[in-house]
Protein backbone atom coordinates (compact mmCIF):
# COMPACT_ATOMS: atom_id res chain seq x y z
CA MET A 1 0.00 0.00 0.00
CA LYS A 2 2.85 2.40 0.83
CA GLY A 3 4.46 1.63 -2.52
CA LYS A 4 1.27 2.48 -4.40
CA LEU A 5 0.85 5.71 -2.45
CA ALA A 6 4.46 6.69 -3.12
CA PHE A 7 3.96 5.97 -6.83
CA VAL A 8 0.82 8.11 -7.01
CA VAL A 9 2.47 10.97 -5.13
CA GLY A 10 5.57 10.71 -7.33
CA THR A 11 3.46 10.72 -10.47
CA GLY A 12 1.57 13.78 -9.27
CA VAL A 13 4.76 15.65 -8.41
CA GLY A 14 6.27 14.66 -11.75
CA TYR A 15 3.20 15.99 -13.57
CA LEU A 16 3.20 19.23 -11.61
CA LEU A 17 6.87 19.92 -12.18
CA GLY A 18 7.43 18.26 -15.55
CA THR A 19 4.71 19.61 -17.81
CA ARG A 20 3.73 23.13 -18.76
CA ALA A 21 0.16 22.56 -17.61
CA GLY A 22 1.51 21.02 -14.43
CA ARG A 23 3.76 24.00 -13.76
CA GLN A 24 0.82 26.35 -14.29
CA GLN A 25 -1.26 24.27 -11.90
CA PHE A 26 1.65 24.27 -9.41
CA GLU A 27 1.82 28.07 -9.59
CA LYS A 28 -1.93 28.28 -8.93
CA ILE A 29 -1.59 25.95 -5.92
CA LYS A 30 1.42 27.91 -4.65
CA SER A 31 -0.45 31.21 -5.01
CA TRP A 32 -3.53 29.81 -3.24
CA ALA A 33 -1.41 28.45 -0.39
CA SER A 34 0.42 31.77 0.00
CA ASP A 35 -2.84 33.74 -0.03
CA THR A 36 -4.37 31.38 2.50
CA TRP A 37 -1.36 31.54 4.82
CA ASN A 38 -1.28 35.35 4.67
CA ASP A 39 -5.04 35.65 5.33
CA PRO A 40 -5.58 37.63 8.56
CA ARG A 41 -8.01 35.00 9.87
CA VAL A 42 -5.42 32.23 9.45
CA GLN A 43 -2.72 34.38 11.04
CA GLY A 44 -5.09 35.00 13.96
CA TYR A 45 -5.33 31.23 14.49
CA VAL A 46 -1.55 30.92 14.18
CA LYS A 47 -1.00 33.60 16.83
CA ASP A 48 -3.57 31.91 19.11
CA ALA A 49 -1.75 28.59 18.71
CA GLU A 50 1.62 30.24 19.40
CA HIS A 51 0.27 31.85 22.58
CA ALA A 52 -1.30 28.57 23.73
CA ALA A 53 1.97 26.72 23.14
CA ALA A 54 3.96 29.40 24.98
CA ASP A 55 1.54 29.32 27.93
CA PHE A 56 1.69 25.53 28.06
CA ALA A 57 5.48 25.60 27.95
CA LYS A 58 5.59 28.13 30.80
CA THR A 59 3.23 26.16 33.03
CA GLN A 60 4.28 22.60 32.17
CA GLY A 61 7.83 22.99 30.88
CA GLY A 62 9.55 22.24 34.18
CA ALA A 63 7.49 19.13 34.82
CA LEU A 64 8.04 17.87 31.28
CA LYS A 65 11.79 18.46 31.57
CA ASP A 66 11.98 16.62 34.90
CA LYS A 67 10.00 13.67 33.48
CA ALA A 68 12.20 13.51 30.37
CA VAL A 69 15.40 13.61 32.44
CA SER A 70 14.20 10.89 34.83
CA THR A 71 13.03 8.71 31.94
CA ALA A 72 16.35 9.12 30.12
CA LYS A 73 18.30 8.32 33.29
CA SER A 74 16.28 5.19 33.96
CA THR A 75 16.52 4.07 30.34
CA PHE A 76 20.28 4.49 30.09
CA SER A 77 21.08 3.22 33.57
CA GLY A 78 19.69 -0.23 32.98
CA GLY A 79 15.92 0.11 33.05
CA GLY A 80 15.25 0.98 36.69
CA SER A 81 12.07 2.68 37.77
CA SER A 82 11.80 6.30 36.68
CA GLN A 83 10.62 7.20 40.19
CA GLU A 84 13.94 6.19 41.76
CA GLU A 85 16.55 8.89 42.09
CA SER A 86 20.05 8.06 43.16
CA THR A 87 22.28 10.52 44.94
CA THR A 88 25.47 8.62 44.11
CA GLN A 89 27.35 8.98 40.85
CA GLU A 90 26.86 5.86 38.73
CA GLU A 91 29.44 4.49 36.36
CA PRO A 92 28.49 5.13 32.73
CA THR A 93 27.18 2.03 31.05
CA THR A 94 27.74 0.97 27.48
CA TRP A 95 25.04 -0.53 25.36
CA GLU A 96 25.63 -4.05 24.10
CA PRO A 97 23.21 -6.01 21.93
CA THR A 98 21.68 -8.94 23.77
CA ASP A 99 21.02 -11.01 20.65
CA GLY A 100 24.44 -10.66 19.06
CA ALA A 101 25.14 -8.75 15.87
CA LEU A 102 22.09 -7.29 14.19
CA VAL A 103 23.26 -7.94 10.62
CA ASP A 104 26.20 -10.03 9.56
CA ALA A 105 27.80 -9.40 6.17
CA ASP A 106 26.91 -12.96 5.12
CA ASP A 107 23.30 -12.44 6.21
CA ALA A 108 22.99 -9.28 4.13
CA ASN A 109 23.97 -11.16 0.92
CA PRO A 110 22.87 -14.78 1.36
CA ASP A 111 23.18 -15.68 -2.34
CA THR A 112 26.84 -14.73 -2.73
CA PRO A 113 29.42 -17.48 -2.33
CA ARG A 114 31.30 -17.46 0.95
CA HIS A 115 35.10 -17.52 0.93
């Protein structure tokens, strides 16, 4: 399904950019999009969204930062609970795959003869 969608999108973009009629249609679409974006009503919604995002960041930013830091610490320290906070300095850990190598050169090309 993704392949078909990519083909249709690619065909549409090729038409828009590759033919004279397509370029004219592209210019119409570009002009419409620019006019819509610069419409005062749309810009009013944009400013409202910016203010809402700024207010949310002011009120919730600290809590979100603390949650992100605790989650990152628990993830990289071996999967402990994110509620636990240690006051001691832990040794940095290195990540090692538990299942071995993800892809071996022979696995990537199974039909080639092995030396």
